[in-house]
Protein backbone atom coordinates (compact mmCIF):
# COMPACT_ATOMS: atom_id res chain seq x y z
CA UNK A 1 20.01 -68.46 40.20
CA UNK A 2 17.02 -69.52 38.06
CA UNK A 3 17.61 -71.61 34.94
CA UNK A 4 14.71 -69.81 33.29
CA UNK A 5 15.72 -66.89 31.08
CA UNK A 6 13.52 -63.83 30.89
CA UNK A 7 13.09 -62.11 27.51
CA UNK A 8 11.18 -58.86 27.09
CA UNK A 9 10.34 -56.65 24.14
CA UNK A 10 8.71 -53.28 24.76
CA UNK A 11 5.99 -51.38 22.93
CA UNK A 12 5.84 -47.72 23.90
CA UNK A 13 3.15 -45.27 22.78
CA UNK A 14 3.90 -41.55 22.96
CA UNK A 15 1.53 -38.68 22.23
CA UNK A 16 3.26 -36.02 20.15
CA UNK A 17 2.90 -32.39 21.20
CA UNK A 18 1.65 -30.89 17.96
CA UNK A 19 -0.75 -27.96 17.87
CA UNK A 20 -3.47 -29.98 16.15
CA UNK A 21 -4.50 -33.61 15.87
CA UNK A 22 -3.08 -36.12 13.41
CA UNK A 23 -5.76 -36.01 10.72
CA UNK A 24 -7.82 -32.88 11.44
CA UNK A 25 -7.54 -29.28 12.67
CA UNK A 26 -8.87 -29.85 16.21
CA UNK A 27 -6.64 -28.69 19.07
CA UNK A 28 -4.29 -31.28 20.50
CA UNK A 29 -5.07 -30.64 24.18
CA UNK A 30 -6.77 -33.69 25.69
CA UNK A 31 -5.53 -33.19 29.25
CA UNK A 32 -6.61 -29.61 30.01
CA UNK A 33 -9.81 -29.24 27.97
CA UNK A 34 -13.36 -30.03 29.03
CA UNK A 35 -14.56 -33.40 27.76
CA UNK A 36 -15.62 -33.60 24.10
CA UNK A 37 -14.75 -29.99 23.23
CA UNK A 38 -11.84 -30.60 20.82
CA UNK A 39 -13.82 -32.70 18.37
CA UNK A 40 -15.11 -32.56 14.80
CA UNK A 41 -16.69 -34.90 12.19
CA UNK A 42 -13.23 -36.44 11.51
CA UNK A 43 -12.76 -37.24 15.22
CA UNK A 44 -16.21 -38.78 15.39
CA UNK A 45 -15.75 -40.68 12.13
CA UNK A 46 -18.92 -39.27 10.61
CA UNK A 47 -19.79 -40.22 7.02
CA UNK A 48 -18.10 -38.01 4.42
CA UNK A 49 -15.46 -36.61 6.82
CA UNK A 50 -12.01 -36.71 5.18
CA UNK A 51 -8.66 -36.84 7.01
CA UNK A 52 -5.59 -34.69 6.26
CA UNK A 53 -2.03 -35.58 7.32
CA UNK A 54 -0.34 -33.47 10.01
CA UNK A 55 3.04 -32.49 8.52
CA UNK A 56 4.42 -31.43 11.92
CA UNK A 57 3.82 -34.89 13.38
CA UNK A 58 5.63 -36.57 10.48
CA UNK A 59 8.60 -34.22 10.97
CA UNK A 60 8.74 -35.05 14.70
CA UNK A 61 8.90 -38.78 14.00
CA UNK A 62 11.64 -38.27 11.41
CA UNK A 63 13.58 -36.19 13.96
CA UNK A 64 13.32 -39.05 16.45
CA UNK A 65 14.36 -41.63 13.86
CA UNK A 66 17.42 -39.67 12.77
CA UNK A 67 18.45 -39.07 16.39
CA UNK A 68 18.56 -42.83 17.09
CA UNK A 69 20.36 -43.59 13.80
CA UNK A 70 17.40 -45.38 12.23
CA UNK A 71 16.49 -45.64 8.55
CA UNK A 72 13.74 -43.29 7.41
CA UNK A 73 11.32 -44.60 4.80
CA UNK A 74 11.62 -42.49 1.60
CA UNK A 75 7.91 -43.12 1.04
CA UNK A 76 5.21 -44.23 3.43
CA UNK A 77 1.45 -44.64 3.66
CA UNK A 78 -1.31 -45.10 6.22
CA UNK A 79 -3.67 -48.04 6.56
CA UNK A 80 -6.91 -48.83 8.31
CA UNK A 81 -6.48 -51.11 11.31
CA UNK A 82 -9.92 -52.58 11.86
CA UNK A 83 -11.20 -53.33 15.34
CA UNK A 84 -13.97 -52.05 17.56
CA UNK A 85 -13.54 -50.12 20.78
CA UNK A 86 -16.15 -47.72 22.20
CA UNK A 87 -13.53 -44.93 22.33
CA UNK A 88 -12.69 -45.34 18.61
CA UNK A 89 -15.86 -44.17 16.86
CA UNK A 90 -14.81 -44.96 13.27
CA UNK A 91 -14.48 -48.65 14.06
CA UNK A 92 -10.92 -48.57 12.75
CA UNK A 93 -7.67 -46.78 13.55
CA UNK A 94 -5.59 -44.96 10.93
CA UNK A 95 -2.14 -46.43 11.49
CA UNK A 96 0.90 -47.72 9.58
CA UNK A 97 1.37 -51.36 8.78
CA UNK A 98 3.98 -52.55 6.28
CA UNK A 99 5.94 -49.35 5.63
CA UNK A 100 6.62 -47.54 8.95
CA UNK A 101 8.35 -44.16 8.97
CA UNK A 102 11.22 -45.38 11.16
CA UNK A 103 13.00 -48.68 10.57
CA UNK A 104 15.55 -50.02 13.07
CA UNK A 105 17.57 -47.68 15.25
CA UNK A 106 19.36 -48.09 18.55
CA UNK A 107 19.57 -46.44 21.95
CA UNK A 108 22.61 -46.67 24.21
CA UNK A 109 22.32 -46.36 27.97
CA UNK A 110 25.57 -46.27 29.94
CA UNK A 111 27.37 -48.53 27.49
CA UNK A 112 24.48 -50.97 26.89
CA UNK A 113 22.84 -50.80 23.44
CA UNK A 114 19.22 -51.71 22.78
CA UNK A 115 17.68 -52.04 19.32
CA UNK A 116 14.38 -50.91 17.87
CA UNK A 117 12.48 -52.94 15.32
CA UNK A 118 10.55 -49.93 14.03
CA UNK A 119 8.50 -46.90 15.01
CA UNK A 120 5.30 -45.86 13.28
CA UNK A 121 2.83 -43.00 13.42
CA UNK A 122 -0.87 -43.40 14.05
CA UNK A 123 -3.82 -41.74 15.79
CA UNK A 124 -4.75 -42.22 19.42
CA UNK A 125 -8.15 -43.44 20.59
CA UNK A 126 -10.44 -41.62 23.02
CA UNK A 127 -10.54 -42.16 26.76
CA UNK A 128 -13.04 -44.18 28.79
CA UNK A 129 -13.96 -43.36 32.39
CA UNK A 130 -15.66 -46.18 34.27
CA UNK A 131 -18.05 -45.58 37.16
CA UNK A 132 -17.06 -46.89 40.60
CA UNK A 133 -20.13 -49.16 40.72
CA UNK A 134 -19.34 -50.51 37.24
CA UNK A 135 -22.82 -49.67 35.96
CA UNK A 136 -21.74 -47.33 33.17
CA UNK A 137 -18.79 -45.75 31.35
CA UNK A 138 -18.26 -42.28 29.92
CA UNK A 139 -16.19 -41.55 26.82
CA UNK A 140 -14.15 -38.44 26.03
CA UNK A 141 -13.17 -38.04 22.37
CA UNK A 142 -10.72 -35.15 22.93
CA UNK A 143 -7.86 -37.65 22.69
CA UNK A 144 -9.27 -39.38 19.62
CA UNK A 145 -7.03 -38.45 16.70
CA UNK A 146 -4.06 -37.15 18.71
CA UNK A 147 -0.76 -38.05 16.94
CA UNK A 148 0.64 -41.20 18.51
CA UNK A 149 4.13 -42.59 17.97
CA UNK A 150 4.38 -46.34 18.60
CA UNK A 151 7.88 -47.70 19.21
CA UNK A 152 8.49 -51.43 18.99
CA UNK A 153 11.79 -52.77 20.30
CA UNK A 154 13.61 -55.99 19.62
CA UNK A 155 13.43 -58.54 22.48
CA UNK A 156 16.67 -57.16 23.95
CA UNK A 157 15.78 -57.02 27.63
CA UNK A 158 16.59 -59.82 30.05
CA UNK A 159 15.89 -58.04 33.35
CA UNK A 160 12.92 -56.00 34.50
CA UNK A 161 15.26 -53.22 35.60
CA UNK A 162 16.76 -52.90 32.10
CA UNK A 163 13.29 -52.55 30.56
CA UNK A 164 12.35 -49.88 33.10
CA UNK A 165 15.57 -47.91 32.49
CA UNK A 166 14.96 -48.07 28.73
CA UNK A 167 11.50 -46.54 29.13
CA UNK A 168 12.94 -43.82 31.36
CA UNK A 169 15.63 -43.08 28.78
CA UNK A 170 13.03 -42.84 26.02
CA UNK A 171 11.19 -40.23 28.06
CA UNK A 172 14.42 -38.20 28.34
CA UNK A 173 14.95 -38.49 24.57
CA UNK A 174 11.41 -37.30 23.77
CA UNK A 175 11.92 -34.28 26.02
CA UNK A 176 15.37 -33.54 24.61
CA UNK A 177 14.00 -33.63 21.05
CA UNK A 178 11.02 -31.50 22.18
CA UNK A 179 8.46 -33.82 20.60
CA UNK A 180 6.62 -34.83 23.78
CA UNK A 181 6.66 -34.27 27.53
CA UNK A 182 5.87 -38.00 27.78
CA UNK A 183 4.26 -37.66 31.21
CA UNK A 184 2.99 -41.11 32.15
CA UNK A 185 0.61 -39.72 34.76
CA UNK A 186 -1.15 -37.77 31.98
CA UNK A 187 -1.26 -40.73 29.60
CA UNK A 188 1.18 -39.06 27.21
CA UNK A 189 3.44 -42.11 27.41
CA UNK A 190 2.13 -45.65 27.82
CA UNK A 191 4.16 -48.84 28.05
CA UNK A 192 3.39 -52.44 27.18
CA UNK A 193 5.67 -55.40 27.75
CA UNK A 194 5.90 -58.60 25.69
CA UNK A 195 7.23 -61.19 28.10
CA UNK A 196 8.37 -64.79 27.71
CA UNK A 197 10.54 -67.26 29.61
CA UNK A 198 12.62 -70.14 28.31
CA UNK A 199 15.42 -72.49 29.29
CA UNK A 200 16.89 -72.39 25.78
CA UNK A 201 17.69 -69.83 23.10
CA UNK A 202 14.27 -70.52 21.56
CA UNK A 203 11.86 -67.92 22.88
CA UNK A 204 8.90 -69.08 24.91
CA UNK A 205 5.25 -68.17 24.42
CA UNK A 206 4.85 -64.40 24.42
CA UNK A 207 2.39 -62.72 26.76
CA UNK A 208 1.61 -59.02 26.31
CA UNK A 209 0.95 -56.93 29.42
CA UNK A 210 -0.99 -53.67 28.98
CA UNK A 211 -2.20 -50.88 31.31
CA UNK A 212 1.25 -50.20 32.75
CA UNK A 213 0.97 -46.69 34.11
CA UNK A 214 4.40 -45.87 35.57
CA UNK A 215 8.05 -46.86 35.36
CA UNK A 216 7.73 -48.59 38.72
CA UNK A 217 4.83 -50.64 37.37
CA UNK A 218 6.88 -51.66 34.30
CA UNK A 219 9.37 -53.37 36.59
CA UNK A 220 6.73 -54.86 38.90
CA UNK A 221 4.61 -56.23 36.04
CA UNK A 222 7.57 -57.93 34.35
CA UNK A 223 8.78 -59.49 37.61
CA UNK A 224 5.28 -60.77 38.41
CA UNK A 225 4.77 -62.23 34.94
CA UNK A 226 8.22 -63.87 35.03
CA UNK A 227 7.32 -65.69 38.24
CA UNK A 228 3.80 -66.55 37.03
CA UNK A 229 4.99 -68.08 33.77
CA UNK A 230 7.69 -70.14 35.47
CA UNK A 231 5.22 -71.44 38.04
CA UNK A 232 2.74 -72.34 35.29
CA UNK A 233 5.32 -74.15 33.14
CA UNK A 234 6.82 -76.04 36.05
CA UNK A 235 3.30 -77.09 37.03
CA UNK A 236 2.77 -78.64 33.59
CA UNK A 237 0.55 -75.87 32.23
CA UNK A 238 0.85 -74.79 28.61
CA UNK A 239 1.01 -71.03 28.18
CA UNK A 240 -1.04 -69.36 25.46
CA UNK A 241 -0.37 -66.14 23.60
CA UNK A 242 -2.66 -63.63 25.23
CA UNK A 243 -3.07 -60.04 26.35
CA UNK A 244 -3.11 -59.40 30.07
CA UNK A 245 -3.63 -56.19 32.05
CA UNK A 246 -1.64 -55.02 35.04
CA UNK A 247 -3.71 -54.52 38.22
CA UNK A 248 -1.54 -52.36 40.45
CA UNK A 249 -3.91 -52.59 43.41
CA UNK A 250 -3.68 -56.39 43.48
CA UNK A 251 -0.09 -56.41 42.21
CA UNK A 252 -0.80 -58.97 39.50
CA UNK A 253 -1.63 -59.41 35.81
CA UNK A 254 -5.14 -60.44 34.74
CA UNK A 255 -6.36 -61.92 31.47
CA UNK A 256 -7.96 -59.46 29.03
CA UNK A 257 -8.23 -61.43 25.77
CA UNK A 258 -6.37 -63.84 23.54
CA UNK A 259 -3.72 -62.02 21.51
CA UNK A 260 -4.72 -60.72 18.10
CA UNK A 261 -2.53 -61.22 15.06
CA UNK A 262 -2.05 -58.91 12.07
CA UNK A 263 -4.64 -60.91 10.13
CA UNK A 264 -7.24 -60.11 12.79
CA UNK A 265 -6.86 -56.40 12.10
CA UNK A 266 -7.56 -56.76 8.34
CA UNK A 267 -5.17 -53.95 7.34
CA UNK A 268 -5.75 -52.25 4.01
CA UNK A 269 -4.42 -48.90 2.68
CA UNK A 270 -6.37 -45.84 3.84
CA UNK A 271 -8.21 -44.81 0.66
CA UNK A 272 -8.60 -41.17 1.73
CA UNK A 273 -4.87 -40.48 2.28
CA UNK A 274 -2.09 -40.40 -0.34
CA UNK A 275 1.32 -42.02 -0.34
CA UNK A 276 3.75 -39.59 1.35
CA UNK A 277 7.30 -38.83 0.19
CA UNK A 278 9.50 -37.90 3.17
CA UNK A 279 12.24 -35.26 3.24
CA UNK A 280 15.16 -35.05 5.67
CA UNK A 281 16.35 -31.58 4.72
CA UNK A 282 14.11 -29.55 7.00
CA UNK A 283 14.41 -31.81 10.07
CA UNK A 284 16.76 -30.64 12.80
CA UNK A 285 19.38 -33.20 13.85
CA UNK A 286 21.65 -31.22 16.17
CA UNK A 287 20.28 -32.49 19.48
CA UNK A 288 22.68 -34.21 21.87
CA UNK A 289 20.94 -37.27 23.30
CA UNK A 290 20.95 -37.99 27.06
CA UNK A 291 23.66 -40.68 26.95
CA UNK A 292 26.12 -38.30 25.27
CA UNK A 293 25.05 -35.54 27.67
CA UNK A 294 25.97 -37.75 30.62
CA UNK A 295 29.38 -38.50 29.11
CA UNK A 296 30.16 -34.80 28.57
CA UNK A 297 29.05 -33.87 32.09
CA UNK A 298 31.20 -36.64 33.53
CA UNK A 299 34.20 -35.08 31.79
CA UNK A 300 33.55 -31.90 33.81
CA UNK A 301 33.92 -33.92 36.98
CA UNK A 302 30.30 -33.79 38.10
CA UNK A 303 29.08 -36.44 40.53
CA UNK A 304 26.86 -39.20 39.08
CA UNK A 305 23.77 -38.07 41.02
CA UNK A 306 24.31 -34.48 39.91
CA UNK A 307 24.66 -35.60 36.28
CA UNK A 308 21.36 -37.47 36.51
CA UNK A 309 19.57 -34.40 37.87
CA UNK A 310 21.03 -32.09 35.21
CA UNK A 311 20.02 -34.39 32.33
CA UNK A 312 16.57 -35.19 33.72
CA UNK A 313 15.77 -31.50 34.35
CA UNK A 314 16.96 -30.18 30.99
CA UNK A 315 19.97 -28.40 32.47
CA UNK A 316 22.64 -29.68 30.09
CA UNK A 317 22.72 -26.58 27.86
CA UNK A 318 23.13 -24.23 30.84
CA UNK A 319 25.88 -26.25 32.50
CA UNK A 320 27.87 -26.63 29.28
CA UNK A 321 27.52 -22.94 28.45
CA UNK A 322 28.80 -22.02 31.92
CA UNK A 323 31.61 -24.55 31.64
CA UNK A 324 33.02 -22.52 28.75
CA UNK A 325 33.12 -19.42 30.97
CA UNK A 326 33.52 -20.58 34.57
CA UNK A 327 33.91 -24.28 35.36
CA UNK A 328 33.33 -23.76 39.08
CA UNK A 329 30.02 -22.04 38.36
CA UNK A 330 29.04 -24.88 36.01
CA UNK A 331 29.65 -27.37 38.81
CA UNK A 332 27.66 -25.15 41.18
CA UNK A 333 24.76 -25.08 38.70
CA UNK A 334 24.76 -28.88 38.62
CA UNK A 335 24.53 -29.02 42.39
CA UNK A 336 21.54 -26.67 42.38
CA UNK A 337 19.65 -28.90 39.91
CA UNK A 338 20.09 -31.73 42.42
CA UNK A 339 19.60 -29.85 45.71
CA UNK A 340 16.80 -27.42 44.76
CA UNK A 341 14.30 -29.08 42.38
CA UNK A 342 12.48 -25.83 41.59
CA UNK A 343 15.71 -24.35 40.20
CA UNK A 344 14.84 -26.28 37.01
CA UNK A 345 11.58 -24.31 36.73
CA UNK A 346 13.47 -21.05 36.13
CA UNK A 347 14.36 -20.15 32.57
CA UNK A 348 18.05 -20.13 31.63
CA UNK A 349 18.37 -16.34 31.94
CA UNK A 350 17.16 -16.41 35.55
CA UNK A 351 19.25 -19.47 36.36
CA UNK A 352 22.39 -17.63 35.23
CA UNK A 353 21.36 -14.47 37.10
CA UNK A 354 20.92 -16.45 40.30
CA UNK A 355 24.31 -18.11 39.95
CA UNK A 356 26.04 -14.77 39.37
CA UNK A 357 24.29 -13.09 42.30
CA UNK A 358 25.03 -16.00 44.59
CA UNK A 359 28.70 -15.73 43.72
CA UNK A 360 28.65 -11.98 44.47
CA UNK A 361 26.67 -12.24 47.70
CA UNK A 362 27.86 -15.57 49.02
CA UNK A 363 24.30 -16.74 49.70
CA UNK A 364 24.05 -20.15 51.45
CA UNK A 365 21.88 -22.91 49.98
CA UNK A 366 18.87 -22.13 52.21
CA UNK A 367 18.81 -18.53 51.01
CA UNK A 368 19.08 -19.64 47.38
CA UNK A 369 16.19 -22.06 47.92
CA UNK A 370 14.09 -19.22 49.40
CA UNK A 371 14.86 -16.97 46.42
CA UNK A 372 13.99 -19.71 43.91
CA UNK A 373 10.73 -20.47 45.70
CA UNK A 374 9.77 -16.79 45.65
CA UNK A 375 10.70 -16.41 41.97
CA UNK A 376 8.71 -19.48 40.90
CA UNK A 377 5.68 -18.77 43.09
CA UNK A 378 5.41 -15.05 42.30
CA UNK A 379 6.62 -15.23 38.70
CA UNK A 380 9.24 -12.53 39.30
CA UNK A 381 12.74 -12.32 37.85
CA UNK A 382 15.74 -13.07 40.04
CA UNK A 383 17.03 -9.51 39.45
CA UNK A 384 13.85 -8.07 40.99
CA UNK A 385 13.88 -10.40 43.97
CA UNK A 386 17.60 -10.17 44.77
CA UNK A 387 17.47 -6.74 46.51
CA UNK A 388 15.11 -8.18 49.13
CA UNK A 389 17.89 -10.55 50.15
CA UNK A 390 20.72 -8.01 50.16
CA UNK A 391 22.52 -7.49 53.47
CA UNK A 392 22.00 -3.86 54.44
CA UNK A 393 22.89 -4.12 58.13
CA UNK A 394 26.37 -3.19 59.35
CA UNK A 395 28.16 -6.51 59.70
CA UNK A 396 30.59 -5.21 62.29
CA UNK A 397 27.75 -4.77 64.77
CA UNK A 398 26.37 -8.26 64.13
CA UNK A 399 29.85 -9.79 64.46
CA UNK A 400 30.45 -7.97 67.73
CA UNK A 401 27.12 -9.21 69.09
CA UNK A 402 27.92 -12.83 68.13
CA UNK A 403 31.34 -12.61 69.80
CA UNK A 404 29.81 -11.23 73.00
CA UNK A 405 27.22 -14.06 73.12
CA UNK A 406 29.75 -16.84 72.40
CA UNK A 407 32.72 -16.06 74.66
CA UNK A 408 33.43 -19.74 75.36
CA UNK A 409 33.80 -20.52 71.64
CA UNK A 410 35.89 -17.37 71.13
CA UNK A 411 38.33 -18.47 73.84
CA UNK A 412 38.51 -21.97 72.32
CA UNK A 413 39.29 -20.46 68.93
CA UNK A 414 42.00 -18.22 70.35
CA UNK A 415 43.45 -21.27 72.11
CA UNK A 416 43.99 -22.90 68.73
CA UNK A 417 40.70 -24.77 68.12
CA UNK A 418 40.25 -23.42 64.58
CA UNK A 419 37.18 -25.55 63.82
CA UNK A 420 35.20 -23.25 66.14
CA UNK A 421 35.65 -20.44 63.61
CA UNK A 422 33.08 -22.07 61.29
CA UNK A 423 30.62 -22.21 64.18
CA UNK A 424 31.00 -18.45 64.67
CA UNK A 425 30.54 -17.90 60.93
CA UNK A 426 27.31 -19.90 61.13
CA UNK A 427 26.07 -17.77 64.03
CA UNK A 428 26.63 -14.56 62.06
CA UNK A 429 24.87 -16.00 59.01
CA UNK A 430 21.93 -17.06 61.19
CA UNK A 431 21.72 -13.57 62.68
CA UNK A 432 21.53 -12.07 59.19
CA UNK A 433 19.00 -14.72 58.08
CA UNK A 434 21.53 -16.04 55.57
CA UNK A 435 21.63 -12.79 53.61
CA UNK A 436 25.16 -11.72 54.39
CA UNK A 437 28.06 -12.33 52.02
CA UNK A 438 29.79 -15.28 53.62
CA UNK A 439 33.28 -14.12 52.61
CA UNK A 440 32.62 -10.71 54.16
CA UNK A 441 31.47 -12.47 57.32
CA UNK A 442 34.75 -14.38 57.49
CA UNK A 443 36.75 -11.22 56.93
CA UNK A 444 34.85 -9.28 59.62
CA UNK A 445 35.24 -12.14 62.11
CA UNK A 446 38.98 -12.38 61.49
CA UNK A 447 39.30 -8.65 61.99
CA UNK A 448 37.20 -8.63 65.18
CA UNK A 449 39.02 -11.63 66.66
CA UNK A 450 42.35 -10.04 65.93
CA UNK A 451 43.60 -13.18 64.20
CA UNK A 452 43.94 -13.70 60.43
CA UNK A 453 44.95 -17.38 60.70
CA UNK A 454 41.72 -19.21 60.12
């Protein structure tokens, strides 16, 4: 075991799903729109253009802060963070500096608690696309001005796996609170890691790693940097505070620039925006966060993998509602979230309809999967699709045919080998393409075999 101790603090940026941007009325839709179509003089930073604060974005951040038991600033303001990037046309970013909306807070994951330093609201920059031959870059300003929540944690992580799990849990929280889908592949959630190593309780030199594009990369980048810093220190090298990027193709971090400090950004209050007084009255606080959801589902007796699928696919409300009516059906719903991923794409009304019809018809899993696929692909309700999967054929004829074709198994069953009965059930279900009621199949087989002891 290494004598070097890893310490990590995370910075996570999340785009909020408001209708409009943070400081103007342009549509907040950077992923689906053609380049440079959701833009205006405020986005471009043209002279005389004045920003206005998006009230919905502020409410979303307060909702997040209250959910994680943080302190909400009674008053807050925005500042200009001065630095130049080609995708930030004003030459500064409107952000928060000394009075963030959210102060402190904590998130618990399976009994382990991690602490936030603060979370603040700002605007996102645009997006650069670099040519393959590195001769030019294109810029899309659709993302410029999108509300961006930046979360800064305390240095609470001492393994790469813990940091990765924290980022995954944050994504679940954002989705539970309905403030962001936080899809990393769309750039809606972006992670940065501040990493240091030390042999003592005094933290080592911090290195920030940017451009981490997936949860898997979060873990890989931290593990690489841990090994790199140890090798450098043991080789007599002195680390410097710097910003590095993660190159996933090469599987390594690369130097980007020396790390800026707050003084480098020359913060000063945004002169075109007023001080804002916050209110907690109109912000919903009834959401049950993922960790509590997992605990409640465990009380129902659901398997750990099933619980994970239900929470990740937003199935908690359905399962708990069913649990109050029919616990067995609630457990069955949990299994479908795990076994049939597209089940989560149905709305709750269709999910319940499918569960009820499955109970009535005894559909096997393969039939349920076929019904779900058809419902999702064709956009039809379960009620409309169900008749196509009803068993209209006379079961007695199918059962008779199966018995005639499987005389060896029938004789084994009659000789006392009861396990063969399930084989015969399977043959009948296959003959009906899984559309027969499985209990009716059992009953018909018992009747035809002249033996009710199965």
